Amino acid sequence: MRKPLIVFIALAAAAPLLAGQSTAREQREARAMKELDKALTGYTAGEAQLCLDPRTIRNPEAFGEKTLIFRQGKAIIWRSDTKGGCDELGDDKLETRQFGSRMCRGDRATTVDITGDETGSCVLGDFVPYRRNK
């Protein structure tokens, strides 16, 4: 009977710490969404596409835990909301495992650090074009 009481006390003691982690995560996500809004200011969303040509885009930027953007020159930004964790981009690079020459919804992507170690992975979503307003 003592073990459940000890577990209960340990969980009760850890609850404020876990709540703090959740709050910190929510704050990071809110900051990332503000940065994304800023990046997309002056652009208008178009119709989502299933695939895009990776040769026409620059390296992606991560915004929060689930959003990647790819820039195509100065006129178009492609947004993909992912499933999984490709949010660890930072100095890492994104490697996609695609079928064919195009990057498509459902393709798996991994983030890889300078040593070649995988730091995260996700599945790409639709690609929504944001075109610069004239």
N, C-alpha and C. Protein backbone atom coordinates (compact mmCIF):
# COMPACT_ATOMS: atom_id res chain seq x y z
N MET A 1 0.81 -1.20 0.00
CA MET A 1 0.00 0.00 0.00
C MET A 1 0.85 1.26 0.00
N ARG A 2 2.08 1.17 0.40
CA ARG A 2 2.93 2.35 0.45
C ARG A 2 3.35 2.81 -0.94
N LYS A 3 3.53 1.90 -1.87
CA LYS A 3 3.98 2.28 -3.20
C LYS A 3 3.02 3.23 -3.89
N PRO A 4 1.70 2.98 -3.92
CA PRO A 4 0.81 3.95 -4.58
C PRO A 4 0.88 5.33 -3.94
N LEU A 5 1.04 5.41 -2.64
CA LEU A 5 1.13 6.70 -1.97
C LEU A 5 2.40 7.44 -2.40
N ILE A 6 3.50 6.72 -2.50
CA ILE A 6 4.77 7.32 -2.94
C ILE A 6 4.65 7.81 -4.38
N VAL A 7 4.04 7.00 -5.25
CA VAL A 7 3.86 7.39 -6.65
C VAL A 7 2.97 8.62 -6.73
N PHE A 8 1.90 8.66 -5.94
CA PHE A 8 1.00 9.81 -5.93
C PHE A 8 1.74 11.07 -5.49
N ILE A 9 2.54 10.96 -4.45
CA ILE A 9 3.30 12.12 -3.96
C ILE A 9 4.30 12.59 -5.02
N ALA A 10 4.97 11.64 -5.68
CA ALA A 10 5.94 11.99 -6.71
C ALA A 10 5.25 12.69 -7.88
N LEU A 11 4.10 12.18 -8.30
CA LEU A 11 3.37 12.82 -9.39
C LEU A 11 2.87 14.20 -9.00
N ALA A 12 2.40 14.33 -7.78
CA ALA A 12 1.93 15.64 -7.31
C ALA A 12 3.07 16.65 -7.27
N ALA A 13 4.25 16.20 -6.88
CA ALA A 13 5.41 17.09 -6.82
C ALA A 13 5.87 17.48 -8.23
N ALA A 14 5.73 16.57 -9.19
CA ALA A 14 6.19 16.83 -10.55
C ALA A 14 5.20 17.65 -11.37
N ALA A 15 3.96 17.71 -10.96
CA ALA A 15 2.92 18.40 -11.74
C ALA A 15 3.28 19.84 -12.07
N PRO A 16 3.76 20.65 -11.12
CA PRO A 16 4.11 22.03 -11.48
C PRO A 16 5.23 22.10 -12.52
N LEU A 17 6.18 21.17 -12.44
CA LEU A 17 7.26 21.17 -13.43
C LEU A 17 6.73 20.83 -14.81
N LEU A 18 5.87 19.82 -14.88
CA LEU A 18 5.29 19.43 -16.16
C LEU A 18 4.42 20.55 -16.72
N ALA A 19 3.69 21.23 -15.88
CA ALA A 19 2.86 22.36 -16.32
C ALA A 19 3.75 23.47 -16.87
N GLY A 20 4.88 23.71 -16.24
CA GLY A 20 5.82 24.72 -16.72
C GLY A 20 6.37 24.38 -18.08
N GLN A 21 6.64 23.09 -18.32
CA GLN A 21 7.12 22.66 -19.63
C GLN A 21 6.06 22.91 -20.68
N SER A 22 4.82 22.59 -20.36
CA SER A 22 3.73 22.79 -21.30
C SER A 22 3.58 24.27 -21.61
N THR A 23 3.64 25.11 -20.60
CA THR A 23 3.52 26.54 -20.80
C THR A 23 4.67 27.07 -21.66
N ALA A 24 5.88 26.61 -21.40
CA ALA A 24 7.03 27.03 -22.20
C ALA A 24 6.85 26.61 -23.65
N ARG A 25 6.37 25.40 -23.88
CA ARG A 25 6.13 24.91 -25.24
C ARG A 25 5.08 25.77 -25.93
N GLU A 26 4.00 26.07 -25.22
CA GLU A 26 2.95 26.90 -25.78
C GLU A 26 3.47 28.29 -26.12
N GLN A 27 4.34 28.84 -25.27
CA GLN A 27 4.92 30.16 -25.53
C GLN A 27 5.83 30.12 -26.75
N ARG A 28 6.64 29.06 -26.88
CA ARG A 28 7.51 28.92 -28.06
C ARG A 28 6.66 28.81 -29.33
N GLU A 29 5.59 28.03 -29.25
CA GLU A 29 4.71 27.85 -30.41
C GLU A 29 4.04 29.17 -30.79
N ALA A 30 3.59 29.93 -29.80
CA ALA A 30 2.96 31.23 -30.07
C ALA A 30 3.95 32.19 -30.73
N ARG A 31 5.21 32.20 -30.24
CA ARG A 31 6.25 33.05 -30.86
C ARG A 31 6.50 32.62 -32.30
N ALA A 32 6.56 31.31 -32.51
CA ALA A 32 6.81 30.80 -33.87
C ALA A 32 5.68 31.18 -34.82
N MET A 33 4.44 31.15 -34.35
CA MET A 33 3.31 31.52 -35.21
C MET A 33 3.33 33.01 -35.52
N LYS A 34 3.78 33.83 -34.58
CA LYS A 34 3.93 35.26 -34.85
C LYS A 34 5.01 35.49 -35.92
N GLU A 35 6.12 34.75 -35.81
CA GLU A 35 7.19 34.85 -36.80
C GLU A 35 6.70 34.39 -38.17
N LEU A 36 5.88 33.32 -38.20
CA LEU A 36 5.33 32.84 -39.46
C LEU A 36 4.41 33.89 -40.06
N ASP A 37 3.54 34.47 -39.24
CA ASP A 37 2.65 35.54 -39.74
C ASP A 37 3.46 36.67 -40.33
N LYS A 38 4.56 37.03 -39.68
CA LYS A 38 5.42 38.11 -40.17
C LYS A 38 6.04 37.72 -41.52
N ALA A 39 6.51 36.46 -41.63
CA ALA A 39 7.12 35.99 -42.88
C ALA A 39 6.12 35.99 -44.04
N LEU A 40 4.84 35.75 -43.73
CA LEU A 40 3.82 35.67 -44.77
C LEU A 40 3.09 36.99 -45.02
N THR A 41 3.45 38.03 -44.25
CA THR A 41 2.84 39.34 -44.45
C THR A 41 3.20 39.85 -45.85
N GLY A 42 2.19 40.31 -46.56
CA GLY A 42 2.41 40.80 -47.92
C GLY A 42 2.26 39.72 -48.97
N TYR A 43 1.86 38.52 -48.56
CA TYR A 43 1.64 37.40 -49.48
C TYR A 43 0.20 36.92 -49.34
N THR A 44 -0.35 36.38 -50.42
CA THR A 44 -1.70 35.85 -50.42
C THR A 44 -1.66 34.36 -50.74
N ALA A 45 -2.39 33.57 -49.94
CA ALA A 45 -2.41 32.12 -50.10
C ALA A 45 -3.17 31.73 -51.36
N GLY A 46 -2.67 30.69 -52.00
CA GLY A 46 -3.33 30.12 -53.18
C GLY A 46 -3.86 28.74 -52.87
N GLU A 47 -4.18 28.01 -53.90
CA GLU A 47 -4.73 26.67 -53.76
C GLU A 47 -3.61 25.67 -53.46
N ALA A 48 -3.85 24.80 -52.48
CA ALA A 48 -2.85 23.81 -52.07
C ALA A 48 -2.50 22.88 -53.23
N GLN A 49 -1.23 22.52 -53.29
CA GLN A 49 -0.72 21.60 -54.30
C GLN A 49 -0.23 20.33 -53.61
N LEU A 50 -0.30 19.22 -54.32
CA LEU A 50 0.18 17.96 -53.74
C LEU A 50 1.69 17.85 -53.79
N CYS A 51 2.32 18.44 -54.80
CA CYS A 51 3.76 18.28 -55.00
C CYS A 51 4.39 19.60 -55.44
N LEU A 52 5.73 19.66 -55.29
CA LEU A 52 6.47 20.77 -55.88
C LEU A 52 7.85 20.29 -56.28
N ASP A 53 8.46 21.05 -57.16
CA ASP A 53 9.78 20.70 -57.69
C ASP A 53 10.84 21.21 -56.72
N PRO A 54 11.59 20.30 -56.07
CA PRO A 54 12.58 20.74 -55.07
C PRO A 54 13.74 21.53 -55.67
N ARG A 55 13.92 21.47 -56.97
CA ARG A 55 15.02 22.21 -57.60
C ARG A 55 14.75 23.70 -57.67
N THR A 56 13.49 24.11 -57.47
CA THR A 56 13.14 25.52 -57.61
C THR A 56 13.07 26.25 -56.27
N ILE A 57 13.31 25.56 -55.18
CA ILE A 57 13.16 26.16 -53.85
C ILE A 57 14.47 26.18 -53.09
N ARG A 58 14.51 27.05 -52.08
CA ARG A 58 15.66 27.10 -51.19
C ARG A 58 15.39 26.25 -49.96
N ASN A 59 16.40 26.11 -49.14
CA ASN A 59 16.28 25.32 -47.92
C ASN A 59 15.10 25.79 -47.08
N PRO A 60 14.44 24.86 -46.41
CA PRO A 60 13.25 25.23 -45.64
C PRO A 60 13.60 25.93 -44.32
N GLU A 61 12.60 26.61 -43.81
CA GLU A 61 12.67 27.20 -42.48
C GLU A 61 11.54 26.58 -41.66
N ALA A 62 11.82 26.27 -40.40
CA ALA A 62 10.80 25.71 -39.51
C ALA A 62 10.18 26.82 -38.67
N PHE A 63 8.88 26.75 -38.53
CA PHE A 63 8.13 27.67 -37.67
C PHE A 63 7.29 26.82 -36.73
N GLY A 64 7.71 26.75 -35.49
CA GLY A 64 7.00 25.91 -34.53
C GLY A 64 7.28 24.45 -34.79
N GLU A 65 6.40 23.63 -34.29
CA GLU A 65 6.62 22.20 -34.35
C GLU A 65 6.11 21.54 -35.62
N LYS A 66 5.29 22.24 -36.39
CA LYS A 66 4.65 21.55 -37.51
C LYS A 66 4.64 22.30 -38.84
N THR A 67 5.26 23.44 -38.93
CA THR A 67 5.17 24.21 -40.17
C THR A 67 6.55 24.45 -40.77
N LEU A 68 6.66 24.14 -42.05
CA LEU A 68 7.87 24.43 -42.81
C LEU A 68 7.50 25.38 -43.93
N ILE A 69 8.40 26.32 -44.25
CA ILE A 69 8.21 27.12 -45.45
C ILE A 69 9.44 26.96 -46.34
N PHE A 70 9.18 26.99 -47.64
CA PHE A 70 10.22 26.90 -48.66
C PHE A 70 10.07 28.14 -49.53
N ARG A 71 11.14 28.85 -49.75
CA ARG A 71 11.08 30.07 -50.57
C ARG A 71 11.47 29.74 -52.00
N GLN A 72 10.68 30.29 -52.93
CA GLN A 72 10.95 30.15 -54.35
C GLN A 72 11.15 31.56 -54.89
N GLY A 73 12.39 31.99 -54.89
CA GLY A 73 12.69 33.37 -55.26
C GLY A 73 12.10 34.30 -54.21
N LYS A 74 11.74 35.52 -54.64
CA LYS A 74 11.13 36.47 -53.72
C LYS A 74 9.62 36.52 -53.89
N ALA A 75 9.10 35.86 -54.91
CA ALA A 75 7.69 36.01 -55.24
C ALA A 75 6.79 34.95 -54.61
N ILE A 76 7.35 33.78 -54.29
CA ILE A 76 6.49 32.69 -53.79
C ILE A 76 7.11 32.05 -52.55
N ILE A 77 6.26 31.80 -51.57
CA ILE A 77 6.63 31.03 -50.38
C ILE A 77 5.68 29.83 -50.34
N TRP A 78 6.23 28.64 -50.19
CA TRP A 78 5.42 27.42 -50.07
C TRP A 78 5.37 27.02 -48.61
N ARG A 79 4.18 26.77 -48.10
CA ARG A 79 3.98 26.35 -46.71
C ARG A 79 3.52 24.90 -46.68
N SER A 80 4.14 24.11 -45.81
CA SER A 80 3.72 22.73 -45.60
C SER A 80 3.58 22.49 -44.11
N ASP A 81 2.37 22.11 -43.70
CA ASP A 81 2.13 21.75 -42.30
C ASP A 81 2.36 20.25 -42.19
N THR A 82 3.29 19.87 -41.35
CA THR A 82 3.75 18.49 -41.28
C THR A 82 3.09 17.71 -40.14
N LYS A 83 3.32 16.42 -40.20
CA LYS A 83 2.97 15.54 -39.08
C LYS A 83 4.29 15.01 -38.57
N GLY A 84 4.58 15.24 -37.32
CA GLY A 84 5.85 14.81 -36.75
C GLY A 84 6.69 16.00 -36.36
N GLY A 85 7.98 15.75 -36.16
CA GLY A 85 8.85 16.78 -35.61
C GLY A 85 10.03 17.15 -36.48
N CYS A 86 9.81 18.01 -37.46
CA CYS A 86 10.92 18.58 -38.24
C CYS A 86 11.24 19.97 -37.74
N ASP A 87 10.87 20.25 -36.50
CA ASP A 87 11.06 21.58 -35.94
C ASP A 87 12.49 21.83 -35.50
N GLU A 88 13.33 20.84 -35.53
CA GLU A 88 14.71 20.98 -35.07
C GLU A 88 15.65 21.42 -36.19
N LEU A 89 15.15 22.14 -37.17
CA LEU A 89 16.00 22.52 -38.29
C LEU A 89 17.21 23.33 -37.86
N GLY A 90 17.01 24.53 -37.35
CA GLY A 90 18.15 25.33 -36.92
C GLY A 90 19.29 25.26 -37.90
N ASP A 91 20.42 24.71 -37.46
CA ASP A 91 21.58 24.54 -38.33
C ASP A 91 21.55 23.20 -39.05
N ASP A 92 20.55 22.37 -38.75
CA ASP A 92 20.44 21.07 -39.40
C ASP A 92 19.94 21.23 -40.82
N LYS A 93 20.05 20.18 -41.60
CA LYS A 93 19.51 20.21 -42.96
C LYS A 93 18.35 19.23 -43.06
N LEU A 94 17.49 19.46 -44.01
CA LEU A 94 16.33 18.62 -44.23
C LEU A 94 16.61 17.69 -45.40
N GLU A 95 16.42 16.41 -45.17
CA GLU A 95 16.56 15.43 -46.23
C GLU A 95 15.20 14.78 -46.45
N THR A 96 14.78 14.74 -47.71
CA THR A 96 13.49 14.13 -48.00
C THR A 96 13.70 12.79 -48.70
N ARG A 97 12.78 11.90 -48.42
CA ARG A 97 12.74 10.61 -49.12
C ARG A 97 11.52 10.68 -50.01
N GLN A 98 11.78 10.99 -51.27
CA GLN A 98 10.69 11.19 -52.20
C GLN A 98 10.68 10.09 -53.25
N PHE A 99 9.52 9.91 -53.82
CA PHE A 99 9.34 8.92 -54.87
C PHE A 99 9.20 9.68 -56.17
N GLY A 100 10.24 9.65 -56.98
CA GLY A 100 10.24 10.43 -58.21
C GLY A 100 11.01 11.72 -58.01
N SER A 101 10.85 12.63 -58.96
CA SER A 101 11.65 13.86 -58.95
C SER A 101 10.99 15.00 -58.18
N ARG A 102 9.75 14.81 -57.74
CA ARG A 102 9.04 15.89 -57.05
C ARG A 102 8.90 15.56 -55.57
N MET A 103 8.81 16.61 -54.76
CA MET A 103 8.57 16.46 -53.33
C MET A 103 7.06 16.57 -53.14
N CYS A 104 6.46 15.56 -52.50
CA CYS A 104 5.00 15.50 -52.44
C CYS A 104 4.47 15.27 -51.03
N ARG A 105 3.20 15.60 -50.86
CA ARG A 105 2.52 15.32 -49.60
C ARG A 105 2.69 13.83 -49.31
N GLY A 106 3.01 13.53 -48.06
CA GLY A 106 3.21 12.14 -47.66
C GLY A 106 4.65 11.68 -47.70
N ASP A 107 5.53 12.46 -48.35
CA ASP A 107 6.96 12.11 -48.35
C ASP A 107 7.51 12.29 -46.94
N ARG A 108 8.43 11.41 -46.57
CA ARG A 108 9.05 11.49 -45.25
C ARG A 108 10.28 12.38 -45.35
N ALA A 109 10.44 13.23 -44.35
CA ALA A 109 11.60 14.11 -44.27
C ALA A 109 12.27 13.90 -42.93
N THR A 110 13.59 14.02 -42.91
CA THR A 110 14.33 13.93 -41.65
C THR A 110 15.24 15.14 -41.54
N THR A 111 15.47 15.56 -40.30
CA THR A 111 16.46 16.59 -40.05
C THR A 111 17.74 15.90 -39.61
N VAL A 112 18.85 16.38 -40.16
CA VAL A 112 20.15 15.75 -39.93
C VAL A 112 21.14 16.82 -39.51
N ASP A 113 21.90 16.55 -38.43
CA ASP A 113 22.88 17.53 -37.97
C ASP A 113 24.19 17.38 -38.74
N ILE A 114 25.16 18.21 -38.40
CA ILE A 114 26.43 18.26 -39.14
C ILE A 114 27.21 16.94 -39.08
N THR A 115 26.96 16.15 -38.04
CA THR A 115 27.66 14.86 -37.92
C THR A 115 26.96 13.74 -38.67
N GLY A 116 25.77 14.04 -39.23
CA GLY A 116 25.02 13.03 -39.96
C GLY A 116 23.98 12.32 -39.12
N ASP A 117 23.86 12.72 -37.85
CA ASP A 117 22.87 12.10 -36.97
C ASP A 117 21.49 12.69 -37.23
N GLU A 118 20.49 11.81 -37.26
CA GLU A 118 19.10 12.25 -37.44
C GLU A 118 18.63 12.92 -36.16
N THR A 119 18.04 14.10 -36.30
CA THR A 119 17.56 14.84 -35.12
C THR A 119 16.04 14.94 -35.06
N GLY A 120 15.36 14.56 -36.11
CA GLY A 120 13.90 14.60 -36.13
C GLY A 120 13.39 14.05 -37.44
N SER A 121 12.09 13.80 -37.50
CA SER A 121 11.49 13.35 -38.75
C SER A 121 10.03 13.77 -38.78
N CYS A 122 9.51 13.88 -39.99
CA CYS A 122 8.12 14.27 -40.17
C CYS A 122 7.64 13.79 -41.53
N VAL A 123 6.35 13.92 -41.73
CA VAL A 123 5.73 13.63 -43.02
C VAL A 123 5.21 14.95 -43.56
N LEU A 124 5.56 15.26 -44.80
CA LEU A 124 5.17 16.53 -45.40
C LEU A 124 3.67 16.55 -45.70
N GLY A 125 3.09 17.73 -45.54
CA GLY A 125 1.67 17.93 -45.87
C GLY A 125 1.54 18.57 -47.23
N ASP A 126 0.33 19.05 -47.54
CA ASP A 126 0.12 19.79 -48.78
C ASP A 126 1.05 20.99 -48.83
N PHE A 127 1.29 21.48 -50.03
CA PHE A 127 2.12 22.66 -50.23
C PHE A 127 1.22 23.81 -50.66
N VAL A 128 1.10 24.81 -49.80
CA VAL A 128 0.24 25.96 -50.08
C VAL A 128 1.12 27.11 -50.57
N PRO A 129 0.87 27.58 -51.80
CA PRO A 129 1.67 28.72 -52.30
C PRO A 129 1.16 30.04 -51.74
N TYR A 130 2.08 30.87 -51.34
CA TYR A 130 1.77 32.25 -50.94
C TYR A 130 2.50 33.14 -51.92
N ARG A 131 1.73 33.89 -52.70
CA ARG A 131 2.31 34.76 -53.71
C ARG A 131 2.38 36.19 -53.20
N ARG A 132 3.50 36.84 -53.51
CA ARG A 132 3.71 38.22 -53.07
C ARG A 132 2.65 39.13 -53.69
N ASN A 133 2.07 39.99 -52.85
CA ASN A 133 1.09 40.97 -53.32
C ASN A 133 1.81 42.02 -54.14
N LYS A 134 1.16 42.49 -55.18
CA LYS A 134 1.77 43.50 -56.06
C LYS A 134 1.49 44.89 -55.56
